[in-house]
Amino acid sequence: MFAYETHQLRSAELIREADNDRLVRAALKARRAERRSRRDEAEGRVSTDSPRRHRAPRTA
C-alpha cells in the first residue's frame, strides 16, 4: 500500500511540474510575441542591423 501511495504522490507532483512548465513556456512565448510586435511598429528601432562603429583590430 505504501508504494501505491508514494506513486500517487509522485504522479501528482509530476503533473504539477508539467503544468508549471507549460505556464512558463506560454509566458515566454507571449513575451517574445510582444517584443516582435513592438519591433514591427513604425516607431520601432532607429538603428540598422550594422554595428554602430567600426573598430580597429586588436593589437598584440
N, C-alpha and C. Protein backbone atom coordinates (compact mmCIF):
# COMPACT_ATOMS: atom_id res chain seq x y z
N MET A 1 0.82 -1.19 0.00
CA MET A 1 0.00 0.00 0.00
C MET A 1 0.86 1.26 0.00
N PHE A 2 1.99 1.20 0.72
CA PHE A 2 2.86 2.37 0.80
C PHE A 2 3.42 2.74 -0.56
N ALA A 3 3.79 1.75 -1.36
CA ALA A 3 4.34 2.01 -2.70
C ALA A 3 3.30 2.67 -3.59
N TYR A 4 2.05 2.25 -3.47
CA TYR A 4 0.99 2.85 -4.27
C TYR A 4 0.78 4.32 -3.90
N GLU A 5 0.77 4.62 -2.61
CA GLU A 5 0.59 6.00 -2.15
C GLU A 5 1.77 6.86 -2.59
N THR A 6 2.96 6.32 -2.51
CA THR A 6 4.15 7.05 -2.96
C THR A 6 4.05 7.33 -4.46
N HIS A 7 3.60 6.35 -5.21
CA HIS A 7 3.42 6.52 -6.65
C HIS A 7 2.40 7.62 -6.95
N GLN A 8 1.29 7.63 -6.21
CA GLN A 8 0.26 8.64 -6.41
C GLN A 8 0.80 10.04 -6.11
N LEU A 9 1.57 10.18 -5.03
CA LEU A 9 2.15 11.48 -4.68
C LEU A 9 3.13 11.95 -5.76
N ARG A 10 3.96 11.04 -6.24
CA ARG A 10 4.93 11.38 -7.27
C ARG A 10 4.22 11.76 -8.57
N SER A 11 3.18 11.03 -8.89
CA SER A 11 2.41 11.33 -10.10
C SER A 11 1.79 12.73 -10.02
N ALA A 12 1.22 13.06 -8.89
CA ALA A 12 0.62 14.39 -8.70
C ALA A 12 1.69 15.47 -8.78
N GLU A 13 2.86 15.20 -8.21
CA GLU A 13 3.96 16.17 -8.26
C GLU A 13 4.42 16.40 -9.70
N LEU A 14 4.54 15.34 -10.47
CA LEU A 14 4.95 15.47 -11.87
C LEU A 14 3.91 16.24 -12.68
N ILE A 15 2.65 16.03 -12.40
CA ILE A 15 1.59 16.76 -13.11
C ILE A 15 1.68 18.24 -12.78
N ARG A 16 1.91 18.58 -11.51
CA ARG A 16 2.06 20.00 -11.13
C ARG A 16 3.26 20.63 -11.81
N GLU A 17 4.38 19.90 -11.86
CA GLU A 17 5.58 20.42 -12.53
C GLU A 17 5.32 20.65 -14.02
N ALA A 18 4.62 19.73 -14.65
CA ALA A 18 4.33 19.87 -16.07
C ALA A 18 3.43 21.08 -16.32
N ASP A 19 2.43 21.27 -15.47
CA ASP A 19 1.56 22.44 -15.60
C ASP A 19 2.35 23.74 -15.44
N ASN A 20 3.25 23.75 -14.47
CA ASN A 20 4.08 24.92 -14.24
C ASN A 20 4.99 25.19 -15.44
N ASP A 21 5.58 24.15 -15.99
CA ASP A 21 6.44 24.31 -17.17
C ASP A 21 5.65 24.86 -18.36
N ARG A 22 4.43 24.36 -18.55
CA ARG A 22 3.59 24.86 -19.64
C ARG A 22 3.27 26.34 -19.44
N LEU A 23 3.00 26.73 -18.21
CA LEU A 23 2.70 28.12 -17.90
C LEU A 23 3.90 29.02 -18.19
N VAL A 24 5.08 28.57 -17.81
CA VAL A 24 6.30 29.34 -18.07
C VAL A 24 6.54 29.48 -19.57
N ARG A 25 6.39 28.39 -20.31
CA ARG A 25 6.58 28.45 -21.77
C ARG A 25 5.58 29.39 -22.42
N ALA A 26 4.34 29.37 -21.95
CA ALA A 26 3.32 30.27 -22.51
C ALA A 26 3.67 31.73 -22.22
N ALA A 27 4.17 32.01 -21.01
CA ALA A 27 4.55 33.38 -20.67
C ALA A 27 5.72 33.85 -21.53
N LEU A 28 6.71 32.98 -21.74
CA LEU A 28 7.85 33.35 -22.57
C LEU A 28 7.42 33.57 -24.02
N LYS A 29 6.51 32.74 -24.50
CA LYS A 29 6.03 32.89 -25.87
C LYS A 29 5.28 34.22 -26.03
N ALA A 30 4.47 34.56 -25.05
CA ALA A 30 3.74 35.83 -25.09
C ALA A 30 4.70 37.01 -25.03
N ARG A 31 5.73 36.90 -24.20
CA ARG A 31 6.72 37.98 -24.09
C ARG A 31 7.47 38.18 -25.41
N ARG A 32 7.85 37.05 -26.06
CA ARG A 32 8.52 37.13 -27.35
C ARG A 32 7.62 37.75 -28.40
N ALA A 33 6.35 37.37 -28.41
CA ALA A 33 5.40 37.92 -29.37
C ALA A 33 5.23 39.41 -29.16
N GLU A 34 5.20 39.84 -27.91
CA GLU A 34 5.08 41.28 -27.60
C GLU A 34 6.30 42.03 -28.12
N ARG A 35 7.49 41.47 -27.90
CA ARG A 35 8.71 42.13 -28.40
C ARG A 35 8.69 42.22 -29.92
N ARG A 36 8.25 41.14 -30.57
CA ARG A 36 8.18 41.13 -32.03
C ARG A 36 7.21 42.17 -32.54
N SER A 37 6.07 42.30 -31.89
CA SER A 37 5.08 43.27 -32.35
C SER A 37 5.58 44.70 -32.13
N ARG A 38 6.30 44.94 -31.03
CA ARG A 38 6.86 46.28 -30.82
C ARG A 38 7.94 46.59 -31.85
N ARG A 39 8.71 45.58 -32.25
CA ARG A 39 9.78 45.78 -33.21
C ARG A 39 9.20 46.12 -34.58
N ASP A 40 8.05 45.57 -34.89
CA ASP A 40 7.44 45.79 -36.19
C ASP A 40 6.67 47.11 -36.29
N GLU A 41 6.51 47.82 -35.19
CA GLU A 41 5.79 49.08 -35.23
C GLU A 41 6.58 50.13 -36.00
N ALA A 42 5.90 51.19 -36.42
CA ALA A 42 6.53 52.24 -37.23
C ALA A 42 7.62 52.97 -36.45
N GLU A 43 7.40 53.24 -35.19
CA GLU A 43 8.37 53.98 -34.40
C GLU A 43 9.25 53.03 -33.60
N GLY A 44 9.61 51.95 -34.19
CA GLY A 44 10.42 50.95 -33.51
C GLY A 44 11.87 51.35 -33.44
N ARG A 45 12.71 50.42 -33.71
CA ARG A 45 14.15 50.60 -33.61
C ARG A 45 14.66 51.59 -34.65
N VAL A 46 15.54 52.48 -34.24
CA VAL A 46 16.05 53.51 -35.13
C VAL A 46 17.30 53.03 -35.86
N SER A 47 18.17 52.35 -35.18
CA SER A 47 19.43 51.95 -35.79
C SER A 47 19.22 50.78 -36.75
N THR A 48 20.18 50.58 -37.63
CA THR A 48 20.11 49.46 -38.57
C THR A 48 20.77 48.24 -37.95
N ASP A 49 20.86 47.18 -38.71
CA ASP A 49 21.46 45.96 -38.19
C ASP A 49 22.98 46.01 -38.21
N SER A 50 23.56 47.03 -38.84
CA SER A 50 25.02 47.13 -38.89
C SER A 50 25.55 47.61 -37.54
N PRO A 51 26.79 47.29 -37.24
CA PRO A 51 27.36 47.75 -35.96
C PRO A 51 27.45 49.28 -35.92
N ARG A 52 27.41 49.81 -34.72
CA ARG A 52 27.40 51.27 -34.58
C ARG A 52 28.71 51.91 -35.04
N ARG A 53 29.79 51.30 -34.74
CA ARG A 53 31.07 51.85 -35.17
C ARG A 53 32.01 50.71 -35.55
N HIS A 54 32.86 51.00 -36.47
CA HIS A 54 33.82 50.00 -36.90
C HIS A 54 35.05 50.11 -36.01
N ARG A 55 35.44 49.02 -35.45
CA ARG A 55 36.58 49.03 -34.51
C ARG A 55 37.81 48.50 -35.20
N ALA A 56 38.95 49.05 -34.79
CA ALA A 56 40.21 48.59 -35.32
C ALA A 56 40.51 47.22 -34.70
N PRO A 57 41.25 46.37 -35.41
CA PRO A 57 41.59 45.06 -34.85
C PRO A 57 42.48 45.22 -33.62
N ARG A 58 42.41 44.26 -32.74
CA ARG A 58 43.21 44.32 -31.51
C ARG A 58 44.69 44.20 -31.84
N THR A 59 45.48 44.92 -31.09
CA THR A 59 46.94 44.85 -31.28
C THR A 59 47.52 43.87 -30.27
N ALA A 60 48.69 43.38 -30.57
CA ALA A 60 49.32 42.39 -29.72
C ALA A 60 49.87 42.99 -28.46
